[in-house]
Amino acid sequence: MLIFSRSRDGGNPGRSVGLRIRLVLLAGALAVSGCATPRIPANVILRDAHNNGYVLAFDDRSETLASGGSEGRIRLWRLPDGKELAGWKAHTDSVQGLQFLDRDRELLSAAYDGTLARWKRDGTLLKRLQTPAPVTSLAVDEAGDLAITGHSDGHVRLWRLADLALMRDWRPHRGAVRAVAYHAADGQLASGGTDGRVFFWRRREEPRPLPSPPTDAQDLAFTPDGKSLLGSGWFKLFRWRLDDGQLQTLPTPHHGFVKSISLSRDGRTLASIGRQTDSAVYLLDAATGAPLKRFQPHELCGSFVRLSPDGRYLASTSDDASVYIWDLQHPLPEQTFFDKK
């Protein structure tokens, strides 16, 4: 396992005593519950990558991982060894979305400061746009020249990637948008909000509600065939059949709400990360929610998880300020802990 700490010039100004105490108490609580025992250790741990890790994105070739944090920085990491390639202050508030563009030569970022920004890989700013409200989520269809953003004002907005011109503006939610998803082949959109509602529509339609899940949908993802929409909430996954809107709830091994999900390219498996009480990272059966693999949990609440396009890598980030990277082709051996008698 490789563990890297952040360089001083881009690091945290210092963690508070209160945070250290909470970290110790939470780690102890998880150890008692058994959730602190790692199963598959991370190949690379990037310590103090951000004040809090918020979002991740792999490039199309699965050679670079981008991360964004609550302090507004973007950082690029080489795969598989985790060497830092670039890093810059991109926004004045938390980065909420990242996407590689132009054959991995550029990045699009979205942030809670309300801006969309397009960058070269070295951090050179190409274009910045101030949107009407803080951005909470981002989906991108580069082939279709589209970016979809969810906002704190309940709006979902559609932008033309080429010039970041606003194309459509909907307001499906009475509260902030938690997640947006887009299925490029069918032009399907979905959003979930703090109002507990989930909407589904196509680009030239108005949003229509799907059956509300038992808890807020924290994240959303279309299945590759576009026939179903997956969501995550407290303990469970949600699966909407889009031809008739039927909702199915699936149990998971998580002990809190499932903050982020990422479907494999074939749609059979789904990576997930927990928040609140377990901070666990799993690979689940997308059809049943059953655990297939359990990975090393974070030390604090999980924020985001992503599978690489080629399926080789899994990455996660959390409030513990770190980024974990697993090489699924070369996993490290399971660690076993026991009490000495």
C-alpha atoms as a PDB file:
ATOM      1  CA  MET A   1       0.000   0.000   0.000  1.00  0.00           C
ATOM      2  CA  LEU A   2       1.232   3.479  -0.876  1.00  0.00           C
ATOM      3  CA  ILE A   3       0.272   6.366   1.398  1.00  0.00           C
ATOM      4  CA  PHE A   4       0.946   9.951   0.381  1.00  0.00           C
ATOM      5  CA  SER A   5       0.411  13.089   2.423  1.00  0.00           C
ATOM      6  CA  ARG A   6      -0.347  16.441   0.903  1.00  0.00           C
ATOM      7  CA  SER A   7       2.496  18.880   0.342  1.00  0.00           C
ATOM      8  CA  ARG A   8       2.586  21.826   2.726  1.00  0.00           C
ATOM      9  CA  ASP A   9       2.007  24.502   0.110  1.00  0.00           C
ATOM     10  CA  GLY A  10      -1.367  23.040  -0.822  1.00  0.00           C
ATOM     11  CA  GLY A  11      -2.362  21.557   2.511  1.00  0.00           C
ATOM     12  CA  ASN A  12      -4.833  22.179   5.257  1.00  0.00           C
ATOM     13  CA  PRO A  13      -4.096  25.057   7.585  1.00  0.00           C
ATOM     14  CA  GLY A  14      -4.378  22.548  10.413  1.00  0.00           C
ATOM     15  CA  ARG A  15      -7.039  20.322  11.812  1.00  0.00           C
ATOM     16  CA  SER A  16      -8.891  21.363  14.907  1.00  0.00           C
ATOM     17  CA  VAL A  17      -8.640  19.506  18.162  1.00  0.00           C
ATOM     18  CA  GLY A  18     -12.381  18.921  17.980  1.00  0.00           C
ATOM     19  CA  LEU A  19     -12.056  17.152  14.642  1.00  0.00           C
ATOM     20  CA  ARG A  20      -9.289  14.937  16.006  1.00  0.00           C
ATOM     21  CA  ILE A  21     -11.434  14.011  18.993  1.00  0.00           C
ATOM     22  CA  ARG A  22     -14.443  13.221  16.781  1.00  0.00           C
ATOM     23  CA  LEU A  23     -12.233  11.114  14.539  1.00  0.00           C
ATOM     24  CA  VAL A  24     -10.969   9.060  17.486  1.00  0.00           C
ATOM     25  CA  LEU A  25     -14.447   8.624  18.946  1.00  0.00           C
ATOM     26  CA  LEU A  26     -15.952   7.600  15.620  1.00  0.00           C
ATOM     27  CA  ALA A  27     -13.135   5.171  14.877  1.00  0.00           C
ATOM     28  CA  GLY A  28     -13.684   3.614  18.284  1.00  0.00           C
ATOM     29  CA  ALA A  29     -17.409   3.314  17.713  1.00  0.00           C
ATOM     30  CA  LEU A  30     -16.883   1.683  14.354  1.00  0.00           C
ATOM     31  CA  ALA A  31     -14.348  -0.720  15.820  1.00  0.00           C
ATOM     32  CA  VAL A  32     -16.879  -1.819  18.419  1.00  0.00           C
ATOM     33  CA  SER A  33     -19.514  -2.401  15.735  1.00  0.00           C
ATOM     34  CA  GLY A  34     -17.043  -4.323  13.567  1.00  0.00           C
ATOM     35  CA  CYS A  35     -17.270  -1.837  10.711  1.00  0.00           C
ATOM     36  CA  ALA A  36     -13.686  -0.619  11.129  1.00  0.00           C
ATOM     37  CA  THR A  37     -12.154  -3.913   9.993  1.00  0.00           C
ATOM     38  CA  PRO A  38     -10.942  -3.465   6.430  1.00  0.00           C
ATOM     39  CA  ARG A  39     -11.570  -6.195   3.894  1.00  0.00           C
ATOM     40  CA  ILE A  40      -9.727  -5.173   0.706  1.00  0.00           C
ATOM     41  CA  PRO A  41      -7.165  -2.489   1.592  1.00  0.00           C
ATOM     42  CA  ALA A  42      -6.684   0.451  -0.739  1.00  0.00           C
ATOM     43  CA  ASN A  43      -3.648   0.193  -3.010  1.00  0.00           C
ATOM     44  CA  VAL A  44      -3.054   3.937  -2.636  1.00  0.00           C
ATOM     45  CA  ILE A  45      -4.221   6.314   0.095  1.00  0.00           C
ATOM     46  CA  LEU A  46      -3.791  10.027  -0.565  1.00  0.00           C
ATOM     47  CA  ARG A  47      -3.911  11.623   2.875  1.00  0.00           C
ATOM     48  CA  ASP A  48      -5.081  15.232   3.279  1.00  0.00           C
ATOM     49  CA  ALA A  49      -5.900  15.532  -0.400  1.00  0.00           C
ATOM     50  CA  HIS A  50      -8.578  18.118   0.450  1.00  0.00           C
ATOM     51  CA  ASN A  51     -10.112  19.732   3.504  1.00  0.00           C
ATOM     52  CA  ASN A  52     -13.023  17.373   2.808  1.00  0.00           C
ATOM     53  CA  GLY A  53     -13.156  15.256  -0.335  1.00  0.00           C
ATOM     54  CA  TYR A  54     -16.335  15.933  -2.353  1.00  0.00           C
ATOM     55  CA  VAL A  55     -16.079  14.604  -5.904  1.00  0.00           C
ATOM     56  CA  LEU A  56     -13.986  12.388  -8.216  1.00  0.00           C
ATOM     57  CA  ALA A  57     -13.661  11.775 -11.950  1.00  0.00           C
ATOM     58  CA  PHE A  58     -11.599   9.357 -14.054  1.00  0.00           C
ATOM     59  CA  ASP A  59     -10.380  10.272 -17.507  1.00  0.00           C
ATOM     60  CA  ASP A  60     -11.594   8.187 -20.462  1.00  0.00           C
ATOM     61  CA  ARG A  61      -8.348   6.180 -20.630  1.00  0.00           C
ATOM     62  CA  SER A  62      -8.392   5.378 -16.906  1.00  0.00           C
ATOM     63  CA  GLU A  63      -4.916   6.890 -16.563  1.00  0.00           C
ATOM     64  CA  THR A  64      -5.745   9.912 -14.386  1.00  0.00           C
ATOM     65  CA  LEU A  65      -8.036  10.555 -11.418  1.00  0.00           C
ATOM     66  CA  ALA A  66      -9.278  14.075 -10.678  1.00  0.00           C
ATOM     67  CA  SER A  67     -10.508  15.080  -7.223  1.00  0.00           C
ATOM     68  CA  GLY A  68     -12.251  18.152  -5.868  1.00  0.00           C
ATOM     69  CA  GLY A  69     -12.785  19.279  -2.308  1.00  0.00           C
ATOM     70  CA  SER A  70     -14.636  21.590   0.024  1.00  0.00           C
ATOM     71  CA  GLU A  71     -11.853  24.201  -0.206  1.00  0.00           C
ATOM     72  CA  GLY A  72     -12.388  24.570  -3.970  1.00  0.00           C
ATOM     73  CA  ARG A  73      -9.185  22.889  -5.159  1.00  0.00           C
ATOM     74  CA  ILE A  74      -8.864  20.446  -8.051  1.00  0.00           C
ATOM     75  CA  ARG A  75      -6.043  17.904  -8.046  1.00  0.00           C
ATOM     76  CA  LEU A  76      -4.954  15.349 -10.654  1.00  0.00           C
ATOM     77  CA  TRP A  77      -3.411  11.983  -9.723  1.00  0.00           C
ATOM     78  CA  ARG A  78      -1.599   9.517 -11.976  1.00  0.00           C
ATOM     79  CA  LEU A  79      -2.763   5.919 -12.023  1.00  0.00           C
ATOM     80  CA  PRO A  80      -1.900   3.440 -10.688  1.00  0.00           C
ATOM     81  CA  ASP A  81       0.713   4.961  -8.352  1.00  0.00           C
ATOM     82  CA  GLY A  82      -1.171   8.104  -7.216  1.00  0.00           C
ATOM     83  CA  LYS A  83       1.585  10.601  -8.106  1.00  0.00           C
ATOM     84  CA  GLU A  84       0.224  14.152  -8.187  1.00  0.00           C
ATOM     85  CA  LEU A  85       0.257  15.627 -11.692  1.00  0.00           C
ATOM     86  CA  ALA A  86      -1.338  19.035 -11.099  1.00  0.00           C
ATOM     87  CA  GLY A  87      -3.380  21.004  -8.593  1.00  0.00           C
ATOM     88  CA  TRP A  88      -4.950  24.438  -8.445  1.00  0.00           C
ATOM     89  CA  LYS A  89      -7.491  26.598  -6.629  1.00  0.00           C
ATOM     90  CA  ALA A  90     -10.463  26.413  -8.954  1.00  0.00           C
ATOM     91  CA  HIS A  91     -13.402  27.767  -6.940  1.00  0.00           C
ATOM     92  CA  THR A  92     -14.201  29.775  -3.842  1.00  0.00           C
ATOM     93  CA  ASP A  93     -16.479  27.053  -2.491  1.00  0.00           C
ATOM     94  CA  SER A  94     -16.796  23.268  -2.657  1.00  0.00           C
ATOM     95  CA  VAL A  95     -16.339  21.463  -5.974  1.00  0.00           C
ATOM     96  CA  GLN A  96     -19.556  19.541  -6.675  1.00  0.00           C
ATOM     97  CA  GLY A  97     -18.861  18.109 -10.134  1.00  0.00           C
ATOM     98  CA  LEU A  98     -15.913  17.157 -12.369  1.00  0.00           C
ATOM     99  CA  GLN A  99     -15.688  15.772 -15.896  1.00  0.00           C
ATOM    100  CA  PHE A 100     -12.790  15.248 -18.313  1.00  0.00           C
ATOM    101  CA  LEU A 101     -13.345  16.656 -21.817  1.00  0.00           C
ATOM    102  CA  ASP A 102     -11.660  16.935 -25.218  1.00  0.00           C
ATOM    103  CA  ARG A 103      -9.942  13.531 -25.184  1.00  0.00           C
ATOM    104  CA  ASP A 104      -8.864  14.056 -21.567  1.00  0.00           C
ATOM    105  CA  ARG A 105      -7.055  17.316 -22.322  1.00  0.00           C
ATOM    106  CA  GLU A 106      -9.543  19.494 -20.425  1.00  0.00           C
ATOM    107  CA  LEU A 107     -11.758  19.452 -17.336  1.00  0.00           C
ATOM    108  CA  LEU A 108     -15.184  20.881 -16.577  1.00  0.00           C
ATOM    109  CA  SER A 109     -15.869  21.728 -12.945  1.00  0.00           C
ATOM    110  CA  ALA A 110     -18.995  22.863 -11.114  1.00  0.00           C
ATOM    111  CA  ALA A 111     -19.062  24.326  -7.626  1.00  0.00           C
ATOM    112  CA  TYR A 112     -21.212  25.600  -4.812  1.00  0.00           C
ATOM    113  CA  ASP A 113     -19.960  29.117  -5.562  1.00  0.00           C
ATOM    114  CA  GLY A 114     -22.402  28.926  -8.488  1.00  0.00           C
ATOM    115  CA  THR A 115     -19.810  28.712 -11.251  1.00  0.00           C
ATOM    116  CA  LEU A 116     -19.058  26.359 -14.106  1.00  0.00           C
ATOM    117  CA  ALA A 117     -15.458  26.444 -15.310  1.00  0.00           C
ATOM    118  CA  ARG A 118     -13.518  24.824 -18.119  1.00  0.00           C
ATOM    119  CA  TRP A 119      -9.788  24.166 -17.621  1.00  0.00           C
ATOM    120  CA  LYS A 120      -6.728  22.819 -19.312  1.00  0.00           C
ATOM    121  CA  ARG A 121      -5.122  19.958 -17.421  1.00  0.00           C
ATOM    122  CA  ASP A 122      -2.439  22.286 -16.059  1.00  0.00           C
ATOM    123  CA  GLY A 123      -5.051  24.530 -14.420  1.00  0.00           C
ATOM    124  CA  THR A 124      -5.211  27.181 -17.139  1.00  0.00           C
ATOM    125  CA  LEU A 125      -8.714  28.664 -17.100  1.00  0.00           C
ATOM    126  CA  LEU A 126     -10.460  28.572 -20.495  1.00  0.00           C
ATOM    127  CA  LYS A 127     -13.914  29.824 -19.536  1.00  0.00           C
ATOM    128  CA  ARG A 128     -15.884  30.566 -16.382  1.00  0.00           C
ATOM    129  CA  LEU A 129     -19.634  31.116 -16.101  1.00  0.00           C
ATOM    130  CA  GLN A 130     -21.593  32.382 -13.113  1.00  0.00           C
ATOM    131  CA  THR A 131     -24.882  30.479 -12.884  1.00  0.00           C
ATOM    132  CA  PRO A 132     -27.970  31.763 -11.028  1.00  0.00           C
ATOM    133  CA  ALA A 133     -27.474  29.592  -7.911  1.00  0.00           C
ATOM    134  CA  PRO A 134     -24.982  27.269  -6.186  1.00  0.00           C
ATOM    135  CA  VAL A 135     -24.377  24.080  -8.156  1.00  0.00           C
ATOM    136  CA  THR A 136     -25.008  20.865  -6.228  1.00  0.00           C
ATOM    137  CA  SER A 137     -24.539  18.207  -8.938  1.00  0.00           C
ATOM    138  CA  LEU A 138     -23.321  17.731 -12.500  1.00  0.00           C
ATOM    139  CA  ALA A 139     -23.832  15.311 -15.392  1.00  0.00           C
ATOM    140  CA  VAL A 140     -22.158  15.606 -18.794  1.00  0.00           C
ATOM    141  CA  ASP A 141     -22.778  14.255 -22.301  1.00  0.00           C
ATOM    142  CA  GLU A 142     -19.755  15.410 -24.271  1.00  0.00           C
ATOM    143  CA  ALA A 143     -20.841  13.733 -27.518  1.00  0.00           C
ATOM    144  CA  GLY A 144     -24.146  15.584 -27.277  1.00  0.00           C
ATOM    145  CA  ASP A 145     -22.422  18.865 -26.307  1.00  0.00           C
ATOM    146  CA  LEU A 146     -24.425  19.046 -23.075  1.00  0.00           C
ATOM    147  CA  ALA A 147     -23.891  19.650 -19.375  1.00  0.00           C
ATOM    148  CA  ILE A 148     -26.696  19.208 -16.832  1.00  0.00           C
ATOM    149  CA  THR A 149     -26.538  20.898 -13.439  1.00  0.00           C
ATOM    150  CA  GLY A 150     -28.643  20.671 -10.305  1.00  0.00           C
ATOM    151  CA  HIS A 151     -28.832  23.719  -8.052  1.00  0.00           C
ATOM    152  CA  SER A 152     -29.640  24.786  -4.508  1.00  0.00           C
ATOM    153  CA  ASP A 153     -32.679  26.722  -5.781  1.00  0.00           C
ATOM    154  CA  GLY A 154     -34.421  23.539  -6.981  1.00  0.00           C
ATOM    155  CA  HIS A 155     -33.629  24.139 -10.654  1.00  0.00           C
ATOM    156  CA  VAL A 156     -32.115  21.738 -13.173  1.00  0.00           C
ATOM    157  CA  ARG A 157     -30.354  23.572 -15.985  1.00  0.00           C
ATOM    158  CA  LEU A 158     -29.123  22.374 -19.367  1.00  0.00           C
ATOM    159  CA  TRP A 159     -26.009  24.007 -20.871  1.00  0.00           C
ATOM    160  CA  ARG A 160     -24.264  23.777 -24.225  1.00  0.00           C
ATOM    161  CA  LEU A 161     -20.735  22.603 -23.520  1.00  0.00           C
ATOM    162  CA  ALA A 162     -19.097  24.482 -26.375  1.00  0.00           C
ATOM    163  CA  ASP A 163     -19.818  27.934 -24.955  1.00  0.00           C
ATOM    164  CA  LEU A 164     -21.674  27.182 -21.678  1.00  0.00           C
ATOM    165  CA  ALA A 165     -24.805  28.844 -23.038  1.00  0.00           C
ATOM    166  CA  LEU A 166     -28.036  28.106 -21.157  1.00  0.00           C
ATOM    167  CA  MET A 167     -30.401  25.972 -23.247  1.00  0.00           C
ATOM    168  CA  ARG A 168     -33.167  24.877 -20.859  1.00  0.00           C
ATOM    169  CA  ASP A 169     -34.201  25.630 -17.303  1.00  0.00           C
ATOM    170  CA  TRP A 170     -36.609  23.554 -15.223  1.00  0.00           C
ATOM    171  CA  ARG A 171     -37.639  23.844 -11.586  1.00  0.00           C
ATOM    172  CA  PRO A 172     -38.882  20.426 -10.503  1.00  0.00           C
ATOM    173  CA  HIS A 173     -37.975  20.700  -6.799  1.00  0.00           C
ATOM    174  CA  ARG A 174     -39.161  22.793  -3.876  1.00  0.00           C
ATOM    175  CA  GLY A 175     -35.790  22.375  -2.158  1.00  0.00           C
ATOM    176  CA  ALA A 176     -32.204  21.915  -3.258  1.00  0.00           C
ATOM    177  CA  VAL A 177     -31.349  19.337  -5.912  1.00  0.00           C
ATOM    178  CA  ARG A 178     -29.295  16.487  -4.458  1.00  0.00           C
ATOM    179  CA  ALA A 179     -28.493  14.608  -7.673  1.00  0.00           C
ATOM    180  CA  VAL A 180     -28.948  14.696 -11.435  1.00  0.00           C
ATOM    181  CA  ALA A 181     -28.498  11.889 -13.954  1.00  0.00           C
ATOM    182  CA  TYR A 182     -28.544  11.796 -17.753  1.00  0.00           C
ATOM    183  CA  HIS A 183     -28.896   8.940 -20.246  1.00  0.00           C
ATOM    184  CA  ALA A 184     -27.402  10.175 -23.496  1.00  0.00           C
ATOM    185  CA  ALA A 185     -28.779   7.553 -25.888  1.00  0.00           C
ATOM    186  CA  ASP A 186     -32.405   8.378 -25.021  1.00  0.00           C
ATOM    187  CA  GLY A 187     -32.011  11.984 -23.867  1.00  0.00           C
ATOM    188  CA  GLN A 188     -33.422  11.066 -20.458  1.00  0.00           C
ATOM    189  CA  LEU A 189     -32.934  13.203 -17.362  1.00  0.00           C
ATOM    190  CA  ALA A 190     -33.605  12.525 -13.698  1.00  0.00           C
ATOM    191  CA  SER A 191     -33.243  14.556 -10.526  1.00  0.00           C
ATOM    192  CA  GLY A 192     -33.686  14.007  -6.811  1.00  0.00           C
ATOM    193  CA  GLY A 193     -34.063  16.704  -4.194  1.00  0.00           C
ATOM    194  CA  THR A 194     -34.223  17.536  -0.513  1.00  0.00           C
ATOM    195  CA  ASP A 195     -38.009  17.683  -0.916  1.00  0.00           C
ATOM    196  CA  GLY A 196     -37.947  13.876  -1.118  1.00  0.00           C
ATOM    197  CA  ARG A 197     -39.137  13.811  -4.723  1.00  0.00           C
ATOM    198  CA  VAL A 198     -37.573  12.215  -7.798  1.00  0.00           C
ATOM    199  CA  PHE A 199     -38.388  13.406 -11.331  1.00  0.00           C
ATOM    200  CA  PHE A 200     -37.868  11.865 -14.743  1.00  0.00           C
ATOM    201  CA  TRP A 201     -38.212  13.454 -18.202  1.00  0.00           C
ATOM    202  CA  ARG A 202     -36.736  13.862 -21.646  1.00  0.00           C
ATOM    203  CA  ARG A 203     -35.066  17.007 -22.960  1.00  0.00           C
ATOM    204  CA  ARG A 204     -38.119  18.418 -24.726  1.00  0.00           C
ATOM    205  CA  GLU A 205     -40.568  17.437 -22.000  1.00  0.00           C
ATOM    206  CA  GLU A 206     -41.504  18.769 -18.596  1.00  0.00           C
ATOM    207  CA  PRO A 207     -40.380  16.848 -15.502  1.00  0.00           C
ATOM    208  CA  ARG A 208     -42.839  14.299 -14.165  1.00  0.00           C
ATOM    209  CA  PRO A 209     -42.619  12.735 -10.704  1.00  0.00           C
ATOM    210  CA  LEU A 210     -41.716   9.132 -10.073  1.00  0.00           C
ATOM    211  CA  PRO A 211     -43.037   7.349  -6.984  1.00  0.00           C
ATOM    212  CA  SER A 212     -41.293   8.925  -4.005  1.00  0.00           C
ATOM    213  CA  PRO A 213     -38.725   6.694  -2.280  1.00  0.00           C
ATOM    214  CA  PRO A 214     -39.035   6.055   1.454  1.00  0.00           C
ATOM    215  CA  THR A 215     -36.098   8.427   2.090  1.00  0.00           C
ATOM    216  CA  ASP A 216     -34.422  11.162   0.040  1.00  0.00           C
ATOM    217  CA  ALA A 217     -32.485   9.909  -2.981  1.00  0.00           C
ATOM    218  CA  GLN A 218     -28.875  10.859  -2.312  1.00  0.00           C
ATOM    219  CA  ASP A 219     -27.597   9.847  -5.760  1.00  0.00           C
ATOM    220  CA  LEU A 220     -29.051   8.681  -9.090  1.00  0.00           C
ATOM    221  CA  ALA A 221     -27.808   6.659 -12.063  1.00  0.00           C
ATOM    222  CA  PHE A 222     -29.480   5.308 -15.201  1.00  0.00           C
ATOM    223  CA  THR A 223     -28.847   1.691 -16.131  1.00  0.00           C
ATOM    224  CA  PRO A 224     -26.910   1.353 -19.413  1.00  0.00           C
ATOM    225  CA  ASP A 225     -30.037   0.273 -21.342  1.00  0.00           C
ATOM    226  CA  GLY A 226     -31.972   3.307 -20.080  1.00  0.00           C
ATOM    227  CA  LYS A 227     -34.854   1.165 -18.865  1.00  0.00           C
ATOM    228  CA  SER A 228     -34.319   1.723 -15.150  1.00  0.00           C
ATOM    229  CA  LEU A 229     -33.158   4.450 -12.787  1.00  0.00           C
ATOM    230  CA  LEU A 230     -31.191   3.564  -9.663  1.00  0.00           C
ATOM    231  CA  GLY A 231     -31.046   5.681  -6.542  1.00  0.00           C
ATOM    232  CA  SER A 232     -29.622   5.438  -3.045  1.00  0.00           C
ATOM    233  CA  GLY A 233     -30.946   6.417   0.371  1.00  0.00           C
ATOM    234  CA  TRP A 234     -30.969   5.283   3.992  1.00  0.00           C
ATOM    235  CA  PHE A 235     -29.711   1.674   4.075  1.00  0.00           C
ATOM    236  CA  LYS A 236     -31.254   0.858   0.693  1.00  0.00           C
ATOM    237  CA  LEU A 237     -31.074   1.201  -3.056  1.00  0.00           C
ATOM    238  CA  PHE A 238     -34.088   2.290  -5.118  1.00  0.00           C
ATOM    239  CA  ARG A 239     -34.884   0.983  -8.587  1.00  0.00           C
ATOM    240  CA  TRP A 240     -37.532   2.621 -10.780  1.00  0.00           C
ATOM    241  CA  ARG A 241     -38.758   0.791 -13.863  1.00  0.00           C
ATOM    242  CA  LEU A 242     -39.212   3.656 -16.304  1.00  0.00           C
ATOM    243  CA  ASP A 243     -41.849   2.118 -18.578  1.00  0.00           C
ATOM    244  CA  ASP A 244     -44.422   2.124 -15.758  1.00  0.00           C
ATOM    245  CA  GLY A 245     -42.655   3.965 -12.880  1.00  0.00           C
ATOM    246  CA  GLN A 246     -42.746   0.960 -10.573  1.00  0.00           C
ATOM    247  CA  LEU A 247     -40.450   1.414  -7.560  1.00  0.00           C
ATOM    248  CA  GLN A 248     -38.505  -1.421  -5.958  1.00  0.00           C
ATOM    249  CA  THR A 249     -36.401  -1.055  -2.803  1.00  0.00           C
ATOM    250  CA  LEU A 250     -33.301  -3.201  -2.381  1.00  0.00           C
ATOM    251  CA  PRO A 251     -31.498  -3.876   0.916  1.00  0.00           C
ATOM    252  CA  THR A 252     -27.770  -3.186   1.196  1.00  0.00           C
ATOM    253  CA  PRO A 253     -25.144  -3.949   3.867  1.00  0.00           C
ATOM    254  CA  HIS A 254     -24.781  -0.226   4.685  1.00  0.00           C
ATOM    255  CA  HIS A 255     -25.662   0.954   8.192  1.00  0.00           C
ATOM    256  CA  GLY A 256     -26.422   4.558   7.237  1.00  0.00           C
ATOM    257  CA  PHE A 257     -27.439   6.392   4.103  1.00  0.00           C
ATOM    258  CA  VAL A 258     -25.751   5.444   0.859  1.00  0.00           C
ATOM    259  CA  LYS A 259     -24.252   8.745  -0.226  1.00  0.00           C
ATOM    260  CA  SER A 260     -22.851   7.928  -3.682  1.00  0.00           C
ATOM    261  CA  ILE A 261     -23.182   5.155  -6.262  1.00  0.00           C
ATOM    262  CA  SER A 262     -21.377   4.290  -9.492  1.00  0.00           C
ATOM    263  CA  LEU A 263     -22.547   1.678 -12.003  1.00  0.00           C
ATOM    264  CA  SER A 264     -20.166  -0.511 -13.965  1.00  0.00           C
ATOM    265  CA  ARG A 265     -20.274  -0.137 -17.736  1.00  0.00           C
ATOM    266  CA  ASP A 266     -22.291  -3.355 -18.141  1.00  0.00           C
ATOM    267  CA  GLY A 267     -24.695  -2.329 -15.373  1.00  0.00           C
ATOM    268  CA  ARG A 268     -24.253  -5.538 -13.385  1.00  0.00           C
ATOM    269  CA  THR A 269     -22.316  -4.176 -10.430  1.00  0.00           C
ATOM    270  CA  LEU A 270     -22.537  -0.972  -8.464  1.00  0.00           C
ATOM    271  CA  ALA A 271     -19.971   0.697  -6.215  1.00  0.00           C
ATOM    272  CA  SER A 272     -21.343   2.450  -3.139  1.00  0.00           C
ATOM    273  CA  ILE A 273     -20.113   4.488  -0.198  1.00  0.00           C
ATOM    274  CA  GLY A 274     -21.892   5.102   3.096  1.00  0.00           C
ATOM    275  CA  ARG A 275     -22.219   8.210   5.219  1.00  0.00           C
ATOM    276  CA  GLN A 276     -23.153   9.000   8.811  1.00  0.00           C
ATOM    277  CA  THR A 277     -22.562   5.699  10.644  1.00  0.00           C
ATOM    278  CA  ASP A 278     -20.520   3.343   8.461  1.00  0.00           C
ATOM    279  CA  SER A 279     -18.392   5.158   5.802  1.00  0.00           C
ATOM    280  CA  ALA A 280     -18.076   1.722   4.165  1.00  0.00           C
ATOM    281  CA  VAL A 281     -17.234   1.099   0.511  1.00  0.00           C
ATOM    282  CA  TYR A 282     -18.837  -1.855  -1.269  1.00  0.00           C
ATOM    283  CA  LEU A 283     -19.215  -3.443  -4.663  1.00  0.00           C
ATOM    284  CA  LEU A 284     -22.861  -4.548  -4.842  1.00  0.00           C
ATOM    285  CA  ASP A 285     -24.989  -6.627  -7.169  1.00  0.00           C
ATOM    286  CA  ALA A 286     -26.947  -3.910  -9.002  1.00  0.00           C
ATOM    287  CA  ALA A 287     -30.023  -6.135  -9.346  1.00  0.00           C
ATOM    288  CA  THR A 288     -30.299  -7.220  -5.709  1.00  0.00           C
ATOM    289  CA  GLY A 289     -28.118  -4.916  -3.573  1.00  0.00           C
ATOM    290  CA  ALA A 290     -26.233  -7.944  -2.235  1.00  0.00           C
ATOM    291  CA  PRO A 291     -22.571  -7.297  -1.323  1.00  0.00           C
ATOM    292  CA  LEU A 292     -19.985  -8.735  -3.693  1.00  0.00           C
ATOM    293  CA  LYS A 293     -16.861  -7.146  -2.207  1.00  0.00           C
ATOM    294  CA  ARG A 294     -16.189  -5.007   0.847  1.00  0.00           C
ATOM    295  CA  PHE A 295     -13.358  -2.496   0.839  1.00  0.00           C
ATOM    296  CA  GLN A 296     -11.406  -0.551   3.424  1.00  0.00           C
ATOM    297  CA  PRO A 297     -13.759   2.018   4.997  1.00  0.00           C
ATOM    298  CA  HIS A 298     -12.893   5.671   5.454  1.00  0.00           C
ATOM    299  CA  GLU A 299     -12.272   7.147   8.883  1.00  0.00           C
ATOM    300  CA  LEU A 300     -15.080   9.697   8.518  1.00  0.00           C
ATOM    301  CA  CYS A 301     -18.318  10.063   6.562  1.00  0.00           C
ATOM    302  CA  GLY A 302     -18.094   8.962   2.930  1.00  0.00           C
ATOM    303  CA  SER A 303     -18.779  11.480   0.157  1.00  0.00           C
ATOM    304  CA  PHE A 304     -18.199  10.049  -3.315  1.00  0.00           C
ATOM    305  CA  VAL A 305     -17.282   6.843  -5.127  1.00  0.00           C
ATOM    306  CA  ARG A 306     -16.439   6.120  -8.763  1.00  0.00           C
ATOM    307  CA  LEU A 307     -15.495   3.156 -10.950  1.00  0.00           C
ATOM    308  CA  SER A 308     -13.098   3.855 -13.811  1.00  0.00           C
ATOM    309  CA  PRO A 309     -14.436   3.522 -17.388  1.00  0.00           C
ATOM    310  CA  ASP A 310     -12.448   0.330 -18.001  1.00  0.00           C
ATOM    311  CA  GLY A 311     -13.497  -1.160 -14.658  1.00  0.00           C
ATOM    312  CA  ARG A 312      -9.934  -1.499 -13.386  1.00  0.00           C
ATOM    313  CA  TYR A 313      -9.998   1.135 -10.637  1.00  0.00           C
ATOM    314  CA  LEU A 314     -12.290   2.085  -7.795  1.00  0.00           C
ATOM    315  CA  ALA A 315     -11.808   5.398  -5.993  1.00  0.00           C
ATOM    316  CA  SER A 316     -13.544   7.026  -3.045  1.00  0.00           C
ATOM    317  CA  THR A 317     -13.267  10.153  -0.935  1.00  0.00           C
ATOM    318  CA  SER A 318     -14.768  11.385   2.315  1.00  0.00           C
ATOM    319  CA  ASP A 319     -14.778  13.885   5.141  1.00  0.00           C
ATOM    320  CA  ASP A 320     -11.514  12.350   6.388  1.00  0.00           C
ATOM    321  CA  ALA A 321      -9.847  14.447   3.630  1.00  0.00           C
ATOM    322  CA  SER A 322      -8.338  11.423   1.888  1.00  0.00           C
ATOM    323  CA  VAL A 323      -8.717   9.734  -1.480  1.00  0.00           C
ATOM    324  CA  TYR A 324      -8.574   5.934  -1.625  1.00  0.00           C
ATOM    325  CA  ILE A 325      -7.676   4.123  -4.858  1.00  0.00           C
ATOM    326  CA  TRP A 326      -8.084   0.378  -5.437  1.00  0.00           C
ATOM    327  CA  ASP A 327      -6.541  -1.441  -8.388  1.00  0.00           C
ATOM    328  CA  LEU A 328      -9.171  -4.152  -8.876  1.00  0.00           C
ATOM    329  CA  GLN A 329      -6.828  -6.126 -11.126  1.00  0.00           C
ATOM    330  CA  HIS A 330      -4.161  -6.228  -8.412  1.00  0.00           C
ATOM    331  CA  PRO A 331      -5.964  -6.152  -5.052  1.00  0.00           C
ATOM    332  CA  LEU A 332      -3.963  -6.245  -1.849  1.00  0.00           C
ATOM    333  CA  PRO A 333      -4.500  -9.224   0.460  1.00  0.00           C
ATOM    334  CA  GLU A 334      -7.178  -9.024   3.114  1.00  0.00           C
ATOM    335  CA  GLN A 335      -6.004  -7.865   6.525  1.00  0.00           C
ATOM    336  CA  THR A 336      -7.130  -9.805   9.576  1.00  0.00           C
ATOM    337  CA  PHE A 337      -7.187  -8.332  13.081  1.00  0.00           C
ATOM    338  CA  PHE A 338      -7.553 -10.343  16.290  1.00  0.00           C
ATOM    339  CA  ASP A 339      -7.162  -9.960  20.034  1.00  0.00           C
ATOM    340  CA  LYS A 340      -4.078 -11.542  21.569  1.00  0.00           C
ATOM    341  CA  LYS A 341      -4.911 -13.889  24.401  1.00  0.00           C
END
